[in-house]
Amino acid sequence: MEKEKFNIGILGAGKICRKMAKTINMMEGCTLHAVAARDVERARTFAREFGIPNAYGSYREFLQDPEIDLVYIGTITSLHKEHMIMCLENGKNVLCEKSFTVNRKEAEEVFSLARDRHLLVAEAIWTRYMPYRKKIDEMVASGAIGRITSITANLAYRISDVPRIWDPSMGGGVMLDLSVYPINFALMVLGDRKIKEYSGCCVKNELGADMKETLNFVTEDDIQVSMFTDSHTDSDRRGMIYGETGYIEIDNINDPSLLSLHQFDSGPAPVETIHFTHSATGFEYQVESCMKAISEKKTEVDDMPWSETLRVMSIMDHYRSMFGVRLSDES
């Protein structure tokens, strides 16, 4: 039997947490129960803005609240593992913002504890939960573009002056903040295909954080994937899936609103265009997925299972090793 109303707590009070709070207030089936920040006044201000009844200046006190069913974590990446472990040790289900952890090793530790405690843990990479993903799957499976040959994707925002980007001790660099999106985009299309060859390059700042990079790989069945990210500029953020008889264009891999299907035999105009809108902000799909999984007593969500989070972390670890990028307290 499904729970009538899920009480959600937010750990953190930054920009991404504000978007999640706004989202939950627009949804049915869940309610904002509590917020925690290291500064209690900041938590109280956040609570007043979003109508949250409980505000905590201590994460541990927040996690001892028995009414919280799911904790959304929106802190910086270098703190994700610590905060998820705290949640799990206090019996809380977790939805943690991307990138899930700094590296695969940290993610494995979190999943091991979640498995032992039989609690849900999910990565909040919102594009994995959106309806556009299913439409792409349908188009590819139908043979509308023939056999896939290449995938391209890019994502750039002018965020190089943000501390969590330029400071390696905070889990900085574009890999964990930006490249995670085109990597996820490519993997959603590729399914379980294995990668046989990696290449790429990056530009680091004086602290050693990767500030822009190009990532390329080739699958065992010779699909070529090319991606770039950049923290110094803005880009068109497009994703392209090329096949032998056509291609699919996605207007923004980070927040898609338009999908276009082109077929070579039909001229330059798209043969199908699909517009996507959200009932809330676009964050609602991941919350809904978590509530469904908790109701079904699952420890993983269907849209982003642990194996896929680990796969993404492995790819990012591989590239960072290639580039000599070390973050947080990595040796």
Protein backbone atom coordinates (compact mmCIF):
# COMPACT_ATOMS: atom_id res chain seq x y z
CA MET A 1 0.00 0.00 0.00
CA GLU A 2 1.40 3.37 -1.01
CA LYS A 3 2.00 6.03 1.60
CA GLU A 4 -0.58 8.84 1.28
CA LYS A 5 1.88 11.68 1.84
CA PHE A 6 5.68 11.61 1.88
CA ASN A 7 7.47 14.00 4.20
CA ILE A 8 10.61 15.31 2.54
CA GLY A 9 13.53 16.98 4.26
CA ILE A 10 16.09 19.12 2.46
CA LEU A 11 19.72 19.02 3.58
CA GLY A 12 21.30 22.25 2.40
CA ALA A 13 19.91 25.69 1.60
CA GLY A 14 21.66 26.71 -1.62
CA LYS A 15 20.35 27.46 -5.10
CA ILE A 16 19.68 23.87 -6.11
CA CYS A 17 17.85 23.23 -2.82
CA ARG A 18 15.62 26.23 -3.50
CA LYS A 19 14.62 24.70 -6.83
CA MET A 20 13.81 21.41 -5.15
CA ALA A 21 11.76 23.17 -2.46
CA LYS A 22 9.81 25.03 -5.14
CA THR A 23 9.23 21.75 -6.95
CA ILE A 24 7.92 19.85 -3.94
CA ASN A 25 5.50 22.68 -3.14
CA MET A 26 4.03 22.21 -6.64
CA MET A 27 3.58 18.44 -6.28
CA GLU A 28 0.92 16.15 -4.90
CA GLY A 29 1.74 13.18 -2.72
CA CYS A 30 4.58 14.84 -0.83
CA THR A 31 5.18 17.77 1.46
CA LEU A 32 8.16 19.77 2.72
CA HIS A 33 8.63 18.79 6.33
CA ALA A 34 12.06 20.13 7.29
CA VAL A 35 15.20 21.91 6.11
CA ALA A 36 18.69 21.88 7.60
CA ALA A 37 21.64 24.23 7.13
CA ARG A 38 24.81 24.75 9.12
CA ASP A 39 23.51 28.24 9.96
CA VAL A 40 20.16 27.98 11.75
CA GLU A 41 19.13 31.49 10.67
CA ARG A 42 19.72 30.53 7.05
CA ALA A 43 17.57 27.44 7.58
CA ARG A 44 14.81 29.53 9.18
CA THR A 45 14.86 32.04 6.33
CA PHE A 46 14.63 29.16 3.83
CA ALA A 47 11.78 27.59 5.83
CA ARG A 48 9.80 30.83 5.92
CA GLU A 49 10.16 31.33 2.17
CA PHE A 50 8.88 27.86 1.29
CA GLY A 51 6.42 27.29 4.15
CA ILE A 52 8.46 24.54 5.81
CA PRO A 53 7.37 23.83 9.41
CA ASN A 54 10.76 22.67 10.76
CA ALA A 55 14.17 24.34 10.42
CA TYR A 56 17.39 22.91 11.87
CA GLY A 57 20.87 24.35 12.32
CA SER A 58 22.27 20.87 12.95
CA TYR A 59 22.29 18.09 10.36
CA ARG A 60 22.30 15.43 13.09
CA GLU A 61 19.28 16.97 14.84
CA PHE A 62 17.53 17.18 11.46
CA LEU A 63 18.19 13.49 10.79
CA GLN A 64 16.74 12.50 14.15
CA ASP A 65 13.35 13.89 13.09
CA PRO A 66 11.20 10.73 12.90
CA GLU A 67 8.73 12.23 10.41
CA ILE A 68 11.17 12.55 7.49
CA ASP A 69 10.66 9.84 4.85
CA LEU A 70 13.15 11.06 2.24
CA VAL A 71 16.13 13.42 2.42
CA TYR A 72 17.19 15.45 -0.59
CA ILE A 73 20.89 16.38 -0.41
CA GLY A 74 21.94 19.51 -2.27
CA THR A 75 25.34 20.24 -0.76
CA ILE A 76 28.67 20.38 -2.64
CA THR A 77 29.95 17.15 -4.18
CA SER A 78 32.90 16.74 -1.81
CA LEU A 79 30.42 16.43 1.08
CA HIS A 80 27.94 14.06 -0.56
CA LYS A 81 29.42 10.83 0.77
CA GLU A 82 29.60 12.16 4.35
CA HIS A 83 26.05 13.46 4.25
CA MET A 84 24.61 10.32 2.65
CA ILE A 85 26.32 8.13 5.24
CA MET A 86 24.83 10.30 8.00
CA CYS A 87 21.36 9.93 6.48
CA LEU A 88 21.61 6.17 6.10
CA GLU A 89 22.97 5.70 9.62
CA ASN A 90 19.89 7.54 10.85
CA GLY A 91 17.50 5.39 8.82
CA LYS A 92 16.70 7.92 6.09
CA ASN A 93 16.10 7.28 2.40
CA VAL A 94 18.23 9.53 0.19
CA LEU A 95 18.00 11.42 -3.08
CA CYS A 96 21.44 13.01 -3.62
CA GLU A 97 22.29 15.66 -6.18
CA LYS A 98 24.76 14.90 -8.96
CA SER A 99 27.55 14.20 -9.13
CA PHE A 100 26.71 11.45 -6.71
CA THR A 101 30.17 11.34 -5.11
CA VAL A 102 33.70 12.42 -5.96
CA ASN A 103 34.62 8.96 -7.27
CA ARG A 104 33.40 5.38 -7.69
CA LYS A 105 35.01 4.18 -4.45
CA GLU A 106 32.90 6.64 -2.41
CA ALA A 107 29.75 5.62 -4.29
CA GLU A 108 30.39 1.94 -3.56
CA GLU A 109 30.69 2.71 0.17
CA VAL A 110 27.35 4.51 0.14
CA PHE A 111 25.59 1.73 -1.77
CA SER A 112 27.04 -0.93 0.53
CA LEU A 113 25.57 0.79 3.58
CA ALA A 114 22.23 1.38 1.84
CA ARG A 115 22.10 -2.32 0.96
CA ASP A 116 22.84 -3.31 4.56
CA ARG A 117 20.21 -0.92 5.96
CA HIS A 118 17.73 -1.67 3.15
CA LEU A 119 17.22 2.02 2.43
CA LEU A 120 16.70 3.81 -0.85
CA VAL A 121 19.55 5.82 -2.35
CA ALA A 122 19.20 7.55 -5.72
CA GLU A 123 21.26 10.03 -7.72
CA ALA A 124 19.44 13.25 -8.61
CA ILE A 125 20.59 13.56 -12.22
CA TRP A 126 17.30 15.00 -13.42
CA THR A 127 17.69 14.24 -17.13
CA ARG A 128 17.67 10.50 -16.38
CA TYR A 129 14.10 10.78 -15.11
CA MET A 130 12.55 13.01 -17.79
CA PRO A 131 9.93 11.81 -20.32
CA TYR A 132 12.11 12.80 -23.31
CA ARG A 133 14.39 9.88 -22.52
CA LYS A 134 11.64 7.35 -23.26
CA LYS A 135 10.81 9.06 -26.56
CA ILE A 136 14.43 8.80 -27.69
CA ASP A 137 14.43 5.10 -26.78
CA GLU A 138 11.26 4.58 -28.84
CA MET A 139 12.64 6.41 -31.89
CA VAL A 140 15.93 4.52 -31.85
CA ALA A 141 14.22 1.16 -31.27
CA SER A 142 11.79 1.81 -34.17
CA GLY A 143 14.67 2.10 -36.61
CA ALA A 144 13.75 5.68 -37.48
CA ILE A 145 17.42 6.68 -37.91
CA GLY A 146 18.82 3.25 -38.74
CA ARG A 147 21.92 1.93 -37.02
CA ILE A 148 23.49 4.52 -34.70
CA THR A 149 26.92 5.67 -35.87
CA SER A 150 27.82 8.72 -33.76
CA ILE A 151 26.68 10.79 -30.78
CA THR A 152 27.72 14.35 -29.96
CA ALA A 153 26.86 16.53 -26.97
CA ASN A 154 28.10 19.72 -25.35
CA LEU A 155 27.42 21.72 -22.22
CA ALA A 156 28.97 25.04 -21.24
CA TYR A 157 28.10 27.68 -18.67
CA ARG A 158 30.12 30.67 -17.48
CA ILE A 159 30.76 29.37 -13.97
CA SER A 160 34.56 29.40 -13.77
CA ASP A 161 34.50 31.91 -10.89
CA VAL A 162 32.28 29.73 -8.67
CA PRO A 163 34.34 28.21 -5.81
CA ARG A 164 32.86 24.73 -6.17
CA ILE A 165 34.12 24.74 -9.77
CA TRP A 166 37.66 26.10 -9.44
CA ASP A 167 38.54 24.57 -6.07
CA PRO A 168 39.58 20.86 -6.19
CA SER A 169 39.05 20.53 -2.41
CA MET A 170 35.33 21.15 -3.02
CA GLY A 171 35.10 18.48 -5.71
CA GLY A 172 35.68 21.15 -8.34
CA GLY A 173 36.16 21.02 -12.09
CA VAL A 174 33.77 20.58 -14.98
CA MET A 175 33.89 16.77 -14.96
CA LEU A 176 31.64 16.36 -11.92
CA ASP A 177 29.53 19.45 -12.57
CA LEU A 178 29.11 19.61 -16.36
CA SER A 179 30.60 16.58 -18.14
CA VAL A 180 28.39 14.31 -16.06
CA TYR A 181 25.45 15.47 -18.24
CA PRO A 182 26.76 14.60 -21.72
CA ILE A 183 28.16 11.35 -20.33
CA ASN A 184 24.73 10.44 -18.98
CA PHE A 185 23.11 11.54 -22.24
CA ALA A 186 25.38 9.25 -24.25
CA LEU A 187 24.91 6.28 -21.91
CA MET A 188 21.12 6.60 -22.03
CA VAL A 189 21.31 6.15 -25.79
CA LEU A 190 24.00 3.46 -25.77
CA GLY A 191 22.37 1.17 -23.23
CA ASP A 192 24.71 -1.59 -22.08
CA ARG A 193 27.25 -1.22 -24.90
CA LYS A 194 30.83 -1.41 -23.68
CA ILE A 195 33.49 1.21 -24.38
CA LYS A 196 36.67 -0.04 -26.09
CA GLU A 197 38.66 3.17 -26.52
CA TYR A 198 38.96 6.49 -24.64
CA SER A 199 40.63 9.75 -25.69
CA GLY A 200 40.39 13.39 -24.71
CA CYS A 201 42.07 16.48 -23.35
CA CYS A 202 41.47 19.10 -20.69
CA VAL A 203 42.62 22.52 -19.55
CA LYS A 204 43.29 22.88 -15.83
CA ASN A 205 43.56 25.94 -13.63
CA GLU A 206 46.50 26.70 -11.34
CA LEU A 207 44.93 24.61 -8.56
CA GLY A 208 44.59 21.56 -10.81
CA ALA A 209 40.84 21.64 -11.42
CA ASP A 210 39.67 20.76 -14.94
CA MET A 211 38.00 23.91 -16.31
CA LYS A 212 37.21 22.71 -19.84
CA GLU A 213 37.58 19.38 -21.56
CA THR A 214 36.86 17.26 -24.60
CA LEU A 215 35.90 13.63 -24.04
CA ASN A 216 35.76 11.00 -26.78
CA PHE A 217 35.14 7.29 -26.74
CA VAL A 218 34.27 4.46 -29.10
CA THR A 219 32.02 1.51 -28.25
CA GLU A 220 32.75 -2.10 -29.11
CA ASP A 221 30.32 -1.86 -32.03
CA ASP A 222 32.11 1.29 -33.30
CA ILE A 223 29.70 4.02 -32.24
CA GLN A 224 31.74 7.20 -31.86
CA VAL A 225 30.90 9.60 -29.02
CA SER A 226 32.29 13.15 -28.80
CA MET A 227 31.55 15.59 -25.96
CA PHE A 228 32.88 18.90 -24.72
CA THR A 229 32.28 21.03 -21.65
CA ASP A 230 33.57 24.48 -20.73
CA SER A 231 33.23 26.66 -17.62
CA HIS A 232 34.40 29.85 -19.37
CA THR A 233 31.64 30.29 -21.97
CA ASP A 234 28.08 29.38 -22.91
CA SER A 235 27.29 26.83 -25.62
CA ASP A 236 24.20 25.70 -27.52
CA ARG A 237 24.03 22.59 -25.26
CA ARG A 238 22.76 20.40 -28.06
CA GLY A 239 22.80 16.66 -28.31
CA MET A 240 22.83 14.78 -31.60
CA ILE A 241 22.25 11.09 -32.29
CA TYR A 242 23.34 10.21 -35.82
CA GLY A 243 22.23 7.07 -37.64
CA GLU A 244 22.68 5.63 -41.12
CA THR A 245 19.27 6.89 -42.30
CA GLY A 246 18.69 9.98 -40.14
CA TYR A 247 19.39 11.75 -36.88
CA ILE A 248 17.74 12.95 -33.69
CA GLU A 249 18.43 16.45 -32.37
CA ILE A 250 17.87 17.47 -28.73
CA ASP A 251 17.87 21.22 -28.11
CA ASN A 252 19.47 21.11 -24.63
CA ILE A 253 20.87 17.98 -23.03
CA ASN A 254 20.65 19.57 -19.58
CA ASP A 255 17.03 20.75 -19.85
CA PRO A 256 15.45 19.42 -23.05
CA SER A 257 12.33 21.09 -24.40
CA LEU A 258 12.44 20.10 -28.09
CA LEU A 259 13.29 16.84 -29.84
CA SER A 260 13.49 16.71 -33.65
CA LEU A 261 13.65 13.64 -35.87
CA HIS A 262 15.31 14.05 -39.28
CA GLN A 263 15.41 11.42 -42.03
CA PHE A 264 17.79 11.80 -44.94
CA ASP A 265 15.24 10.71 -47.58
CA SER A 266 12.71 13.34 -46.43
CA GLY A 267 14.65 16.55 -47.02
CA PRO A 268 16.09 19.06 -44.52
CA ALA A 269 12.93 19.66 -42.48
CA PRO A 270 12.29 17.40 -39.47
CA VAL A 271 9.71 14.67 -40.01
CA GLU A 272 8.66 14.88 -36.36
CA THR A 273 9.11 17.43 -33.59
CA ILE A 274 8.11 16.90 -29.98
CA HIS A 275 7.88 19.64 -27.36
CA PHE A 276 8.31 18.83 -23.68
CA THR A 277 6.91 20.80 -20.76
CA HIS A 278 6.89 20.07 -17.04
CA SER A 279 4.05 20.11 -14.54
CA ALA A 280 6.47 21.66 -12.04
CA THR A 281 10.16 22.48 -12.64
CA GLY A 282 11.47 19.22 -14.13
CA PHE A 283 12.70 18.02 -10.73
CA GLU A 284 9.37 16.36 -10.03
CA TYR A 285 10.17 13.18 -11.99
CA GLN A 286 13.04 12.15 -9.73
CA VAL A 287 10.96 12.77 -6.60
CA GLU A 288 8.11 10.72 -8.05
CA SER A 289 10.52 7.91 -8.93
CA CYS A 290 11.85 7.86 -5.35
CA MET A 291 8.38 7.83 -3.80
CA LYS A 292 7.38 4.93 -6.05
CA ALA A 293 10.49 2.94 -5.13
CA ILE A 294 10.03 3.56 -1.40
CA SER A 295 6.38 2.47 -1.64
CA GLU A 296 7.57 -0.72 -3.32
CA LYS A 297 10.26 -1.20 -0.63
CA LYS A 298 13.07 -0.95 -3.19
CA THR A 299 16.56 0.36 -2.50
CA GLU A 300 17.04 1.59 -6.08
CA VAL A 301 14.96 3.59 -8.55
CA ASP A 302 14.26 2.15 -11.99
CA ASP A 303 15.33 5.33 -13.82
CA MET A 304 18.83 5.54 -12.34
CA PRO A 305 19.87 2.22 -10.77
CA TRP A 306 23.09 1.94 -8.78
CA SER A 307 24.82 0.16 -11.65
CA GLU A 308 24.38 3.23 -13.86
CA THR A 309 25.65 5.64 -11.22
CA LEU A 310 28.71 3.41 -10.80
CA ARG A 311 29.18 3.25 -14.56
CA VAL A 312 29.16 7.04 -14.83
CA MET A 313 31.53 7.38 -11.88
CA SER A 314 33.90 4.84 -13.47
CA ILE A 315 34.01 6.78 -16.74
CA MET A 316 34.68 10.06 -14.94
CA ASP A 317 37.36 8.41 -12.79
CA HIS A 318 38.99 7.06 -15.95
CA TYR A 319 39.15 10.47 -17.61
CA ARG A 320 40.35 12.25 -14.47
CA SER A 321 43.12 9.67 -14.16
CA MET A 322 44.07 10.34 -17.81
CA PHE A 323 44.14 14.09 -17.12
CA GLY A 324 45.86 13.88 -13.74
CA VAL A 325 42.98 15.56 -11.91
CA ARG A 326 42.64 14.80 -8.19
CA LEU A 327 39.83 16.19 -6.07
CA SER A 328 38.93 16.58 -2.40
CA ASP A 329 41.15 14.27 -0.32
CA GLU A 330 42.04 11.85 -3.13
CA SER A 331 45.66 10.70 -2.93
